[in-house]
Amino acid sequence: MPHRKRSMKTPDTAVPELKHRAPKTPASMLKSSPLQSAIFNSANFSSIATDANGVIQIFNVGAERMLGYAAADVVNKITPADISDPQEVIARAQELSVELGTSIAPGFEALVFKASRGIEDIYELTYIRKDLSRFPAVVSVTALRDAQDLIIGYLLIGTDNTARKRAEEELLKAGALQNAIFNSANFSSIATDANGVIQIFNVGAERMLGYTAAEVVNKITPADLHDPEEMVIRARALTIELGTPIAPGFEAVAVKASRGIEDIYELTKIRKDGSRFPAVVSVTALRDAQDGIIGYLLIGSDNTARKRLEEVLEQIRQDQMRFKDEFLSHVSHELRSPLTAIKQFTNILLGGLAGELNKEQREYQQIVLRNIRQLQSMIDDLLEVTRLESGKLTVEPERLSVSMAVIDSFNTLEGSARGKRITLSHDLPPNLPSALADQTRLRQILIILLDNAIKFTPEGGAVTVLARPFEKDLRYLVIEVSDTGCGISTEITEEIFERLYQVSERTEASRKGLGLGLYICKELVMRQGGRIWATRRRQKGSTFSFTLPVFSIDEAKIPTTTAA
């Protein structure tokens, strides 16, 4: 090609049957009509016209936009083969050589050979931009001929194929995904028509349910494979949830999906041999282009393994609880026996039966008794927590007087308060509404809170109990136990109710405990429909408050008088 100027190397090859070419055609000849002008000025596709030797003569704005070259960079300098992937050009030349039974050289000849023979040619290849980035293109090649039918050049019209390639890849992925779903043996895929009749029954469904596809397709609905009693229960539940009558059967299977509601449910499936297994099923409505439902897809997995694991874990939990119950019962018995003996002996000494004790000896004996009582209380708390967590502790709410429960608790702890010269007082309105609570559990809560208040209040302090309707919600009563101890940090008012939280951390005192009492209070209050919290008093000390439901809302009027 003696007249060709190139900036990139491409094998020089003569295009067959172009021995009697006309001279190079001016660009004006290639743009002689309005249609041609529109084509060459379009920015939507590249239009590249060459002379008979393949050297670019026209490079339109679309080609500039797609390839990053200016027309001046390529016109009269290179061929379209120089902007094509060289490996793909070689591969095309080899394929054409086999297809046409003649040797085709890689280069521009491979791009236009079919067009030079009058064969329609549209092919795909990769174009290389000026910045060396690449994109897939679809190229249509046409030979340009003069009035004597001699080839005077070639027109290559190209479009960026990136979007279509991506779409194809996505469709291939989707197709592969659908293929995997419908051919997977790990879960069942059942597709129905709009009426629920099975149309597709994959290998996973065959394996799980024991039917062949031929036995169910066009014959039954997926509801026929479900436990009928569970279908009735599901239909009733959906009737309540959706506020419309739902019939047991396929309607109960598909109604939520038909309304665009995500639906994943658990039920029992029945195999062909009558055996059963738990399944998790996801239901999706299949829709056409107009958003009309054309069927349903049910993807199910065998839930047997998870159910068995749950059963095993539950059995382990029960075994652990039983072992803990037995162990703590045994330990408590072993501890109580020597503690009881020590307590009795200490009482004998304090009673003077073994001789008179001096003041210092009596104080030591009192300390021994206090520690014995504390140990016995800790043992009781451990056993109570075990009963709570094993579900053995019951709560039986009834109508009761909070005032009577408070007074009873005061009587129980009066001795402890007197020993530290702590004043016990209460503020109980005479017309305080009755509570709906368990009498034994309310007394237990009050004794724990009062005992803690006495423990953490220095000698000469005061502990007060107040009860009244809860102003924030008259459906409840609030009971407050306040002390004049060193208070509680605002940072731990929530943590203090956690199991095994060190009680000593709420005060500056050095004594420590297992922190079970407040945890027990929280659990007992919650099981009676209330809540509990702690606050630091503005003056000195702390307040522990808890709510209980009133027996009747009609009684819940805020009293105007109080009685000490």
Protein backbone atom coordinates (compact mmCIF):
# COMPACT_ATOMS: atom_id res chain seq x y z
CA MET A 1 0.00 0.00 0.00
CA PRO A 2 2.32 2.76 -1.23
CA HIS A 3 0.05 5.65 -0.25
CA ARG A 4 -0.66 4.49 3.33
CA LYS A 5 0.60 6.39 6.36
CA ARG A 6 0.46 4.54 9.67
CA SER A 7 1.21 5.29 13.30
CA MET A 8 0.62 1.62 14.31
CA LYS A 9 2.02 -1.44 12.56
CA THR A 10 -0.39 -3.68 10.66
CA PRO A 11 0.65 -6.32 8.09
CA ASP A 12 0.46 -4.91 4.58
CA THR A 13 -2.01 -7.06 2.74
CA ALA A 14 -3.73 -6.59 -0.61
CA VAL A 15 -7.46 -7.11 -0.54
CA PRO A 16 -8.37 -9.78 -3.13
CA GLU A 17 -10.07 -8.81 -6.37
CA LEU A 18 -9.06 -5.15 -6.10
CA LYS A 19 -6.50 -5.22 -8.89
CA HIS A 20 -8.34 -2.62 -10.99
CA ARG A 21 -9.09 -0.10 -8.25
CA ALA A 22 -10.04 3.46 -9.00
CA PRO A 23 -7.85 6.16 -7.56
CA LYS A 24 -8.37 7.18 -3.94
CA THR A 25 -11.83 8.72 -3.57
CA PRO A 26 -12.13 12.18 -2.03
CA ALA A 27 -14.12 12.41 1.18
CA SER A 28 -16.61 14.69 -0.56
CA MET A 29 -17.74 11.77 -2.72
CA LEU A 30 -18.62 9.77 0.40
CA LYS A 31 -20.81 12.55 1.79
CA SER A 32 -22.89 13.38 -1.23
CA SER A 33 -26.40 13.06 0.26
CA PRO A 34 -28.30 14.35 3.32
CA LEU A 35 -28.69 10.77 4.58
CA GLN A 36 -24.97 10.17 4.32
CA SER A 37 -24.37 13.49 6.03
CA ALA A 38 -26.66 12.50 8.91
CA ILE A 39 -24.86 9.17 9.27
CA PHE A 40 -21.42 10.72 9.32
CA ASN A 41 -22.45 13.42 11.76
CA SER A 42 -24.22 11.08 14.25
CA ALA A 43 -22.70 10.85 17.72
CA ASN A 44 -24.58 7.61 18.49
CA PHE A 45 -22.41 5.29 16.40
CA SER A 46 -19.01 5.41 14.78
CA SER A 47 -18.81 5.81 11.00
CA ILE A 48 -15.37 5.14 9.53
CA ALA A 49 -14.86 5.31 5.78
CA THR A 50 -11.64 4.14 4.16
CA ASP A 51 -10.15 4.24 0.70
CA ALA A 52 -9.74 1.06 -1.32
CA ASN A 53 -6.49 0.26 0.53
CA GLY A 54 -8.17 0.57 3.97
CA VAL A 55 -6.64 3.87 5.02
CA ILE A 56 -9.15 5.94 7.00
CA GLN A 57 -10.61 8.89 5.08
CA ILE A 58 -13.60 9.80 7.25
CA PHE A 59 -13.81 9.50 11.06
CA ASN A 60 -17.13 10.90 12.31
CA VAL A 61 -18.00 12.51 15.66
CA GLY A 62 -19.41 9.21 16.93
CA ALA A 63 -16.07 7.52 16.23
CA GLU A 64 -14.25 10.37 17.97
CA ARG A 65 -16.51 10.05 21.02
CA MET A 66 -16.23 6.25 21.22
CA LEU A 67 -12.52 5.88 20.49
CA GLY A 68 -11.04 9.08 21.93
CA TYR A 69 -9.13 10.02 18.76
CA ALA A 70 -9.69 13.23 16.85
CA ALA A 71 -10.25 12.72 13.13
CA ALA A 72 -6.92 14.44 12.49
CA ASP A 73 -5.19 11.72 14.54
CA VAL A 74 -6.25 8.91 12.16
CA VAL A 75 -7.33 10.22 8.72
CA ASN A 76 -4.76 9.26 6.05
CA LYS A 77 -2.66 7.58 8.77
CA ILE A 78 -4.04 4.22 9.91
CA THR A 79 -6.59 1.52 9.05
CA PRO A 80 -9.50 0.32 11.26
CA ALA A 81 -7.43 -2.81 11.99
CA ASP A 82 -5.05 -0.60 13.97
CA ILE A 83 -7.80 0.28 16.46
CA SER A 84 -9.02 -3.33 16.81
CA ASP A 85 -7.77 -5.99 19.23
CA PRO A 86 -4.87 -7.65 17.30
CA GLN A 87 -5.53 -11.11 18.76
CA GLU A 88 -9.17 -10.96 17.72
CA VAL A 89 -8.16 -9.83 14.20
CA ILE A 90 -5.82 -12.84 13.95
CA ALA A 91 -8.56 -15.17 15.21
CA ARG A 92 -11.01 -13.70 12.65
CA ALA A 93 -8.52 -14.22 9.84
CA GLN A 94 -8.06 -17.87 10.83
CA GLU A 95 -11.83 -18.48 11.03
CA LEU A 96 -12.44 -16.84 7.62
CA SER A 97 -9.65 -18.88 6.05
CA VAL A 98 -11.39 -22.06 7.16
CA GLU A 99 -14.89 -20.77 6.29
CA LEU A 100 -14.05 -19.47 2.79
CA GLY A 101 -11.37 -22.00 1.89
CA THR A 102 -8.71 -19.41 1.10
CA SER A 103 -5.84 -17.86 3.00
CA ILE A 104 -6.85 -14.61 4.73
CA ALA A 105 -4.10 -12.47 6.21
CA PRO A 106 -4.64 -10.87 9.65
CA GLY A 107 -5.08 -7.12 9.33
CA PHE A 108 -7.49 -4.94 7.40
CA GLU A 109 -8.11 -7.73 4.86
CA ALA A 110 -9.71 -9.86 7.62
CA LEU A 111 -12.11 -7.00 8.47
CA VAL A 112 -13.39 -6.37 4.91
CA PHE A 113 -12.84 -9.61 2.98
CA LYS A 114 -16.48 -10.74 3.07
CA ALA A 115 -17.75 -7.26 2.16
CA SER A 116 -15.35 -7.22 -0.81
CA ARG A 117 -17.06 -10.41 -2.03
CA GLY A 118 -20.51 -8.83 -1.69
CA ILE A 119 -21.31 -10.90 1.44
CA GLU A 120 -23.21 -9.11 4.19
CA ASP A 121 -20.84 -8.86 7.15
CA ILE A 122 -21.69 -7.87 10.71
CA TYR A 123 -19.26 -9.03 13.37
CA GLU A 124 -18.23 -8.40 16.98
CA LEU A 125 -14.77 -7.40 18.09
CA THR A 126 -13.03 -5.29 20.70
CA TYR A 127 -12.08 -1.72 19.84
CA ILE A 128 -9.08 -0.10 21.58
CA ARG A 129 -9.41 3.57 22.55
CA LYS A 130 -6.64 6.13 22.41
CA ASP A 131 -6.17 5.74 26.19
CA LEU A 132 -5.82 1.95 25.57
CA SER A 133 -9.10 1.12 27.34
CA ARG A 134 -11.27 -1.41 25.53
CA PHE A 135 -14.93 -1.91 24.73
CA PRO A 136 -16.93 -4.50 22.77
CA ALA A 137 -18.31 -3.27 19.45
CA VAL A 138 -20.64 -4.56 16.75
CA VAL A 139 -19.37 -3.55 13.32
CA SER A 140 -21.22 -3.57 9.99
CA VAL A 141 -18.96 -3.46 6.89
CA THR A 142 -20.08 -2.34 3.42
CA ALA A 143 -17.98 -2.01 0.28
CA LEU A 144 -18.29 1.37 -1.45
CA ARG A 145 -18.42 1.04 -5.25
CA ASP A 146 -18.34 3.46 -8.18
CA ALA A 147 -20.59 3.50 -11.24
CA GLN A 148 -18.52 0.71 -12.79
CA ASP A 149 -18.98 -1.43 -9.65
CA LEU A 150 -15.34 -1.08 -8.72
CA ILE A 151 -14.52 -0.88 -4.98
CA ILE A 152 -13.40 2.59 -4.07
CA GLY A 153 -13.45 2.11 -0.27
CA TYR A 154 -15.22 0.63 2.73
CA LEU A 155 -17.70 1.91 5.29
CA LEU A 156 -17.50 0.48 8.83
CA ILE A 157 -20.40 1.47 11.09
CA GLY A 158 -19.87 0.49 14.73
CA THR A 159 -21.92 0.60 17.93
CA ASP A 160 -20.70 0.32 21.52
CA ASN A 161 -21.85 -3.12 22.66
CA THR A 162 -20.96 -2.70 26.34
CA ALA A 163 -24.54 -2.38 27.62
CA ARG A 164 -25.77 -5.37 25.65
CA LYS A 165 -22.81 -7.48 26.78
CA ARG A 166 -23.51 -6.61 30.39
CA ALA A 167 -27.18 -7.43 29.91
CA GLU A 168 -26.22 -10.75 28.32
CA GLU A 169 -23.91 -11.53 31.24
CA GLU A 170 -26.67 -10.71 33.71
CA LEU A 171 -29.12 -12.87 31.79
CA LEU A 172 -26.59 -15.67 31.69
CA LYS A 173 -26.11 -15.33 35.42
CA ALA A 174 -29.85 -15.29 35.97
CA GLY A 175 -30.23 -18.26 33.68
CA ALA A 176 -27.47 -20.08 35.50
CA LEU A 177 -29.11 -19.21 38.81
CA GLN A 178 -32.50 -20.45 37.61
CA ASN A 179 -30.81 -23.55 36.25
CA ALA A 180 -29.10 -24.15 39.58
CA ILE A 181 -32.36 -23.63 41.46
CA PHE A 182 -34.41 -25.98 39.34
CA ASN A 183 -31.68 -28.61 39.13
CA SER A 184 -30.58 -28.44 42.76
CA ALA A 185 -31.17 -31.51 44.87
CA ASN A 186 -30.63 -29.52 48.08
CA PHE A 187 -34.01 -27.77 48.12
CA SER A 188 -37.35 -28.19 46.46
CA SER A 189 -38.47 -25.74 43.76
CA ILE A 190 -42.14 -25.99 42.86
CA ALA A 191 -43.67 -23.58 40.32
CA THR A 192 -47.41 -23.38 39.82
CA ASP A 193 -49.80 -21.66 37.45
CA ALA A 194 -52.05 -18.82 38.63
CA ASN A 195 -54.55 -21.35 40.04
CA GLY A 196 -51.88 -23.11 42.09
CA VAL A 197 -51.62 -26.26 39.96
CA ILE A 198 -48.03 -27.53 39.89
CA GLN A 199 -46.18 -26.92 36.60
CA ILE A 200 -42.55 -27.48 37.63
CA PHE A 201 -41.35 -30.00 40.22
CA ASN A 202 -37.56 -30.03 40.43
CA VAL A 203 -35.20 -32.87 41.40
CA GLY A 204 -34.93 -31.48 44.94
CA ALA A 205 -38.71 -31.71 45.31
CA GLU A 206 -38.64 -35.26 43.94
CA ARG A 207 -35.93 -36.25 46.40
CA MET A 208 -37.59 -34.61 49.41
CA LEU A 209 -41.17 -35.67 48.75
CA GLY A 210 -40.75 -39.01 46.98
CA TYR A 211 -42.97 -38.10 44.01
CA THR A 212 -41.79 -37.91 40.42
CA ALA A 213 -42.62 -34.73 38.52
CA ALA A 214 -44.99 -36.72 36.28
CA GLU A 215 -47.07 -37.71 39.33
CA VAL A 216 -47.83 -34.13 40.38
CA VAL A 217 -47.47 -31.77 37.39
CA ASN A 218 -50.89 -30.56 36.17
CA LYS A 219 -52.55 -32.71 38.86
CA ILE A 220 -52.26 -31.23 42.37
CA THR A 221 -51.36 -28.02 44.23
CA PRO A 222 -48.56 -27.65 46.80
CA ALA A 223 -51.25 -27.48 49.52
CA ASP A 224 -51.93 -31.18 48.86
CA LEU A 225 -48.38 -31.90 50.05
CA HIS A 226 -48.84 -30.06 53.38
CA ASP A 227 -50.22 -31.27 56.70
CA PRO A 228 -53.97 -30.52 56.39
CA GLU A 229 -54.40 -29.60 60.08
CA GLU A 230 -51.55 -27.10 59.85
CA MET A 231 -53.14 -25.64 56.72
CA VAL A 232 -56.38 -25.07 58.67
CA ILE A 233 -54.42 -23.37 61.48
CA ARG A 234 -52.50 -21.21 58.97
CA ALA A 235 -55.75 -20.19 57.27
CA ARG A 236 -57.25 -19.12 60.61
CA ALA A 237 -54.14 -17.15 61.55
CA LEU A 238 -54.08 -15.38 58.16
CA THR A 239 -57.80 -14.60 58.43
CA ILE A 240 -57.09 -12.72 61.67
CA GLU A 241 -53.87 -11.11 60.39
CA LEU A 242 -55.27 -9.92 57.04
CA GLY A 243 -58.81 -9.21 58.22
CA THR A 244 -60.43 -11.27 55.47
CA PRO A 245 -61.60 -14.90 55.28
CA ILE A 246 -58.85 -17.20 53.99
CA ALA A 247 -59.77 -20.76 53.01
CA PRO A 248 -57.47 -23.63 53.98
CA GLY A 249 -55.76 -24.91 50.86
CA PHE A 250 -53.63 -23.21 48.22
CA GLU A 251 -55.15 -19.81 49.04
CA ALA A 252 -53.58 -20.05 52.50
CA VAL A 253 -50.25 -20.88 50.86
CA ALA A 254 -50.21 -18.02 48.34
CA VAL A 255 -52.40 -15.17 49.69
CA LYS A 256 -49.56 -13.11 51.21
CA ALA A 257 -47.32 -13.51 48.15
CA SER A 258 -50.25 -12.51 45.93
CA ARG A 259 -50.42 -9.23 47.86
CA GLY A 260 -46.70 -8.57 47.50
CA ILE A 261 -45.98 -9.48 51.13
CA GLU A 262 -42.77 -11.42 51.77
CA ASP A 263 -43.80 -14.85 53.02
CA ILE A 264 -41.55 -17.45 54.62
CA TYR A 265 -43.29 -19.96 56.85
CA GLU A 266 -42.69 -23.29 58.62
CA LEU A 267 -44.97 -26.29 58.27
CA THR A 268 -44.96 -30.05 57.94
CA LYS A 269 -44.75 -31.66 54.49
CA ILE A 270 -46.02 -35.16 53.78
CA ARG A 271 -44.05 -37.51 51.52
CA LYS A 272 -45.54 -39.98 49.07
CA ASP A 273 -44.94 -42.80 51.58
CA GLY A 274 -46.89 -40.88 54.26
CA SER A 275 -43.84 -39.92 56.33
CA ARG A 276 -43.52 -36.31 57.45
CA PHE A 277 -40.78 -33.75 57.82
CA PRO A 278 -40.61 -30.09 58.93
CA ALA A 279 -39.96 -27.63 56.10
CA VAL A 280 -39.26 -23.92 55.68
CA VAL A 281 -41.01 -22.56 52.58
CA SER A 282 -40.55 -19.24 50.75
CA VAL A 283 -43.37 -18.18 48.41
CA THR A 284 -43.02 -15.65 45.57
CA ALA A 285 -45.64 -14.53 43.05
CA LEU A 286 -44.54 -14.79 39.39
CA ARG A 287 -45.76 -11.82 37.32
CA ASP A 288 -45.90 -10.92 33.64
CA ALA A 289 -44.88 -7.62 32.03
CA GLN A 290 -48.25 -6.09 32.98
CA ASP A 291 -47.73 -7.12 36.62
CA GLY A 292 -50.43 -9.79 36.41
CA ILE A 293 -49.85 -12.97 38.45
CA ILE A 294 -49.09 -15.92 36.19
CA GLY A 295 -48.06 -18.35 38.91
CA TYR A 296 -46.17 -18.92 42.15
CA LEU A 297 -42.71 -20.21 43.06
CA LEU A 298 -42.32 -22.16 46.31
CA ILE A 299 -38.76 -22.88 47.42
CA GLY A 300 -38.54 -25.24 50.38
CA SER A 301 -35.80 -26.72 52.52
CA ASP A 302 -35.89 -29.72 54.84
CA ASN A 303 -35.83 -28.35 58.38
CA THR A 304 -35.33 -31.72 60.08
CA ALA A 305 -31.67 -31.19 60.98
CA ARG A 306 -32.32 -27.77 62.55
CA LYS A 307 -35.34 -29.08 64.46
CA ARG A 308 -33.29 -31.99 65.79
CA LEU A 309 -30.50 -29.62 66.78
CA GLU A 310 -33.02 -27.42 68.61
CA GLU A 311 -34.39 -30.48 70.42
CA VAL A 312 -30.89 -31.63 71.38
CA LEU A 313 -29.97 -28.14 72.63
CA GLU A 314 -33.21 -27.94 74.62
CA GLN A 315 -32.51 -31.35 76.15
CA ILE A 316 -28.99 -30.23 77.04
CA ARG A 317 -30.40 -27.08 78.62
CA GLN A 318 -32.90 -29.08 80.65
CA ASP A 319 -30.18 -31.53 81.72
CA GLN A 320 -27.98 -28.62 82.77
CA MET A 321 -30.83 -27.05 84.75
CA ARG A 322 -31.65 -30.37 86.40
CA PHE A 323 -28.01 -30.89 87.31
CA LYS A 324 -27.78 -27.33 88.66
CA ASP A 325 -30.98 -27.84 90.68
CA GLU A 326 -29.70 -31.09 92.16
CA PHE A 327 -26.23 -29.70 92.78
CA LEU A 328 -27.48 -26.54 94.49
CA SER A 329 -30.00 -28.48 96.54
CA HIS A 330 -27.25 -30.80 97.71
CA VAL A 331 -24.84 -27.94 98.42
CA SER A 332 -27.48 -25.93 100.27
CA HIS A 333 -28.30 -28.92 102.44
CA GLU A 334 -24.59 -29.48 103.18
CA LEU A 335 -24.18 -25.80 104.07
CA ARG A 336 -27.36 -25.40 106.07
CA SER A 337 -26.55 -28.24 108.49
CA PRO A 338 -23.32 -26.76 109.92
CA LEU A 339 -24.77 -23.23 109.77
CA THR A 340 -27.77 -24.33 111.81
CA ALA A 341 -25.49 -25.97 114.38
CA ILE A 342 -23.32 -22.84 114.62
CA LYS A 343 -26.41 -20.64 114.95
CA GLN A 344 -27.85 -22.79 117.73
CA PHE A 345 -24.55 -22.84 119.61
CA THR A 346 -24.24 -19.04 119.24
CA ASN A 347 -27.75 -18.56 120.63
CA ILE A 348 -26.85 -20.82 123.57
CA LEU A 349 -23.84 -18.64 124.31
CA LEU A 350 -25.86 -15.45 124.01
CA GLY A 351 -28.53 -16.93 126.31
CA GLY A 352 -26.00 -17.39 129.08
CA LEU A 353 -26.50 -21.15 129.31
CA ALA A 354 -22.74 -21.68 128.92
CA GLY A 355 -21.85 -18.87 131.27
CA GLU A 356 -22.05 -15.11 131.22
CA LEU A 357 -20.39 -13.28 128.27
CA ASN A 358 -18.72 -9.94 128.57
CA LYS A 359 -19.62 -7.07 126.22
CA GLU A 360 -16.86 -7.82 123.71
CA GLN A 361 -17.81 -11.51 123.54
CA ARG A 362 -21.45 -10.63 122.98
CA GLU A 363 -20.50 -8.32 120.10
CA TYR A 364 -18.49 -11.13 118.49
CA GLN A 365 -21.42 -13.50 118.86
CA GLN A 366 -23.75 -10.93 117.25
CA ILE A 367 -21.35 -10.63 114.30
CA VAL A 368 -21.35 -14.43 113.97
CA LEU A 369 -25.17 -14.47 113.88
CA ARG A 370 -25.32 -11.71 111.27
CA ASN A 371 -22.90 -13.59 109.02
CA ILE A 372 -24.86 -16.80 109.45
CA ARG A 373 -28.05 -15.02 108.45
CA GLN A 374 -26.24 -13.52 105.44
CA LEU A 375 -24.98 -16.93 104.33
CA GLN A 376 -28.44 -18.43 104.74
CA SER A 377 -29.88 -15.57 102.68
CA MET A 378 -27.30 -16.15 99.93
CA ILE A 379 -28.20 -19.86 99.80
CA ASP A 380 -31.89 -18.96 99.56
CA ASP A 381 -31.13 -16.50 96.72
CA LEU A 382 -29.15 -19.11 94.76
CA LEU A 383 -32.00 -21.59 95.02
CA GLU A 384 -34.52 -18.91 94.05
CA VAL A 385 -32.55 -17.94 90.93
CA THR A 386 -32.39 -21.59 89.93
CA ARG A 387 -36.15 -21.91 90.31
CA LEU A 388 -36.67 -18.72 88.29
CA GLU A 389 -34.49 -19.83 85.41
CA SER A 390 -35.78 -23.40 85.33
CA GLY A 391 -39.37 -22.20 85.13
CA LYS A 392 -40.32 -23.84 88.42
CA LEU A 393 -41.16 -20.57 90.16
CA THR A 394 -44.81 -19.69 89.59
CA VAL A 395 -46.62 -16.37 89.89
CA GLU A 396 -50.32 -16.35 90.80
CA PRO A 397 -51.71 -12.78 90.67
CA GLU A 398 -54.71 -11.95 92.87
CA ARG A 399 -56.34 -8.93 94.45
CA LEU A 400 -54.27 -7.83 97.43
CA SER A 401 -53.50 -4.91 99.70
CA VAL A 402 -50.08 -3.36 99.16
CA SER A 403 -50.36 -1.63 102.56
CA MET A 404 -50.76 -4.96 104.37
CA ALA A 405 -47.79 -6.42 102.46
CA VAL A 406 -45.60 -3.44 103.46
CA ILE A 407 -46.59 -3.65 107.14
CA ASP A 408 -45.96 -7.40 107.17
CA SER A 409 -42.47 -6.87 105.70
CA PHE A 410 -41.74 -4.19 108.31
CA ASN A 411 -42.61 -6.65 111.08
CA THR A 412 -40.22 -9.22 109.59
CA LEU A 413 -37.25 -6.81 109.45
CA GLU A 414 -37.96 -4.76 112.55
CA GLY A 415 -35.26 -6.58 114.53
CA SER A 416 -32.55 -5.90 111.92
CA ALA A 417 -33.48 -2.20 111.79
CA ARG A 418 -33.54 -1.89 115.58
CA GLY A 419 -30.07 -3.49 115.83
CA LYS A 420 -28.64 -0.63 113.74
CA ARG A 421 -30.92 2.02 115.26
CA ILE A 422 -32.50 2.60 111.83
CA THR A 423 -35.96 4.17 111.69
CA LEU A 424 -38.50 2.32 109.55
CA SER A 425 -41.49 4.35 108.30
CA HIS A 426 -44.11 4.21 105.57
CA ASP A 427 -46.37 6.58 103.65
CA LEU A 428 -49.48 4.59 102.65
CA PRO A 429 -52.70 6.42 101.58
CA PRO A 430 -55.81 4.99 103.24
CA ASN A 431 -57.64 4.67 99.89
CA LEU A 432 -54.72 3.08 98.01
CA PRO A 433 -56.10 0.88 95.19
CA SER A 434 -55.66 -2.87 95.40
CA ALA A 435 -52.90 -4.44 93.33
CA LEU A 436 -53.12 -7.41 90.98
CA ALA A 437 -50.10 -9.35 92.20
CA ASP A 438 -48.81 -12.51 93.84
CA GLN A 439 -48.84 -12.00 97.60
CA THR A 440 -45.83 -14.22 98.31
CA ARG A 441 -43.77 -12.65 95.54
CA LEU A 442 -44.65 -9.08 96.56
CA ARG A 443 -43.58 -9.82 100.12
CA GLN A 444 -40.35 -11.34 98.75
CA ILE A 445 -39.60 -8.20 96.71
CA LEU A 446 -40.26 -5.90 99.64
CA ILE A 447 -38.09 -7.90 102.04
CA ILE A 448 -35.16 -7.96 99.60
CA LEU A 449 -35.35 -4.20 98.99
CA LEU A 450 -35.84 -3.36 102.66
CA ASP A 451 -33.04 -5.70 103.74
CA ASN A 452 -30.67 -4.09 101.22
CA ALA A 453 -31.69 -0.62 102.38
CA ILE A 454 -30.99 -1.54 106.01
CA LYS A 455 -27.63 -3.11 105.09
CA PHE A 456 -26.39 -0.06 103.21
CA THR A 457 -27.71 2.58 105.59
CA PRO A 458 -25.40 3.61 108.43
CA GLU A 459 -26.54 3.44 112.06
CA GLY A 460 -29.05 6.12 112.97
CA GLY A 461 -30.33 6.39 109.39
CA ALA A 462 -33.84 5.96 108.02
CA VAL A 463 -35.65 3.69 105.54
CA THR A 464 -39.04 4.74 104.13
CA VAL A 465 -41.62 2.96 101.96
CA LEU A 466 -44.09 4.99 99.90
CA ALA A 467 -46.97 3.62 97.79
CA ARG A 468 -49.32 5.52 95.48
CA PRO A 469 -51.01 5.37 92.07
CA PHE A 470 -48.45 5.83 89.30
CA GLU A 471 -49.08 9.31 87.90
CA LYS A 472 -47.61 8.41 84.47
CA ASP A 473 -50.03 5.51 84.04
CA LEU A 474 -52.99 5.02 86.41
CA ARG A 475 -53.21 1.37 85.47
CA TYR A 476 -50.29 0.83 87.87
CA LEU A 477 -49.26 1.43 91.47
CA VAL A 478 -45.71 2.50 92.28
CA ILE A 479 -43.93 1.39 95.47
CA GLU A 480 -40.73 3.18 96.51
CA VAL A 481 -38.13 2.02 99.05
CA SER A 482 -35.83 4.90 100.02
CA ASP A 483 -32.83 4.97 102.36
CA THR A 484 -30.36 7.52 103.70
CA GLY A 485 -27.27 5.51 102.80
CA CYS A 486 -24.37 6.75 100.71
CA GLY A 487 -26.41 6.38 97.52
CA ILE A 488 -26.00 4.78 94.14
CA SER A 489 -24.01 5.92 91.12
CA THR A 490 -26.18 7.06 88.22
CA GLU A 491 -23.89 5.11 85.85
CA ILE A 492 -24.94 1.72 87.28
CA THR A 493 -28.69 2.17 87.85
CA GLU A 494 -29.42 -0.35 85.06
CA GLU A 495 -26.51 -2.74 85.62
CA ILE A 496 -27.27 -3.17 89.30
CA PHE A 497 -30.23 -5.44 88.46
CA GLU A 498 -28.09 -7.87 86.46
CA ARG A 499 -27.35 -11.30 87.89
CA LEU A 500 -24.18 -11.56 90.02
CA TYR A 501 -23.57 -7.81 89.92
CA GLN A 502 -21.47 -6.92 92.96
CA VAL A 503 -23.81 -5.08 95.33
CA SER A 504 -20.88 -3.36 97.05
CA GLU A 505 -20.21 -1.34 93.90
CA ARG A 506 -23.32 0.76 94.51
CA THR A 507 -21.86 2.11 97.73
CA GLU A 508 -18.63 3.08 99.35
CA ALA A 509 -19.04 0.24 101.83
CA SER A 510 -16.54 -2.62 101.85
CA ARG A 511 -19.05 -5.46 102.21
CA LYS A 512 -19.72 -7.56 99.14
CA GLY A 513 -22.47 -9.92 98.03
CA LEU A 514 -23.43 -12.08 95.09
CA GLY A 515 -25.84 -9.45 93.80
CA LEU A 516 -28.67 -11.93 93.34
CA GLY A 517 -31.34 -10.15 95.36
CA LEU A 518 -31.95 -7.28 92.93
CA TYR A 519 -31.88 -9.68 89.98
CA ILE A 520 -34.59 -11.74 91.70
CA CYS A 521 -36.62 -8.55 92.33
CA LYS A 522 -36.39 -7.56 88.66
CA GLU A 523 -37.54 -11.00 87.48
CA LEU A 524 -40.42 -11.16 89.96
CA VAL A 525 -41.61 -7.63 89.15
CA MET A 526 -41.47 -8.29 85.38
CA ARG A 527 -43.40 -11.55 85.75
CA GLN A 528 -46.17 -9.65 87.47
CA GLY A 529 -46.40 -7.10 84.65
CA GLY A 530 -44.39 -4.28 86.22
CA ARG A 531 -40.92 -2.78 85.99
CA ILE A 532 -38.22 -1.73 88.47
CA TRP A 533 -35.60 1.00 88.54
CA ALA A 534 -33.19 2.77 90.88
CA THR A 535 -32.38 6.46 91.38
CA ARG A 536 -30.02 8.50 93.52
CA ARG A 537 -31.83 10.77 95.95
CA ARG A 538 -31.24 14.51 95.81
CA GLN A 539 -30.38 14.63 99.48
CA LYS A 540 -28.62 11.44 100.57
CA GLY A 541 -29.22 7.82 99.79
CA SER A 542 -31.04 5.96 97.03
CA THR A 543 -34.58 4.98 96.00
CA PHE A 544 -35.68 1.69 94.45
CA SER A 545 -39.05 1.93 92.72
CA PHE A 546 -41.24 -0.71 91.11
CA THR A 547 -44.70 -0.81 89.59
CA LEU A 548 -47.51 -3.33 89.83
CA PRO A 549 -50.80 -3.39 87.92
CA VAL A 550 -53.90 -2.20 89.79
CA PHE A 551 -56.67 -4.72 90.29
CA SER A 552 -59.26 -2.33 88.85
CA ILE A 553 -58.72 0.90 86.94
CA ASP A 554 -61.86 2.29 88.58
CA GLU A 555 -60.04 2.30 91.93
CA ALA A 556 -57.00 4.12 90.53
CA LYS A 557 -57.67 7.67 91.68
CA ILE A 558 -54.83 9.70 93.06
CA PRO A 559 -55.52 10.00 96.80
CA THR A 560 -55.44 13.40 98.40
CA THR A 561 -54.71 12.25 101.96
CA THR A 562 -52.00 10.07 103.39
CA ALA A 563 -51.50 8.25 106.65
CA ALA A 564 -48.17 7.55 108.29
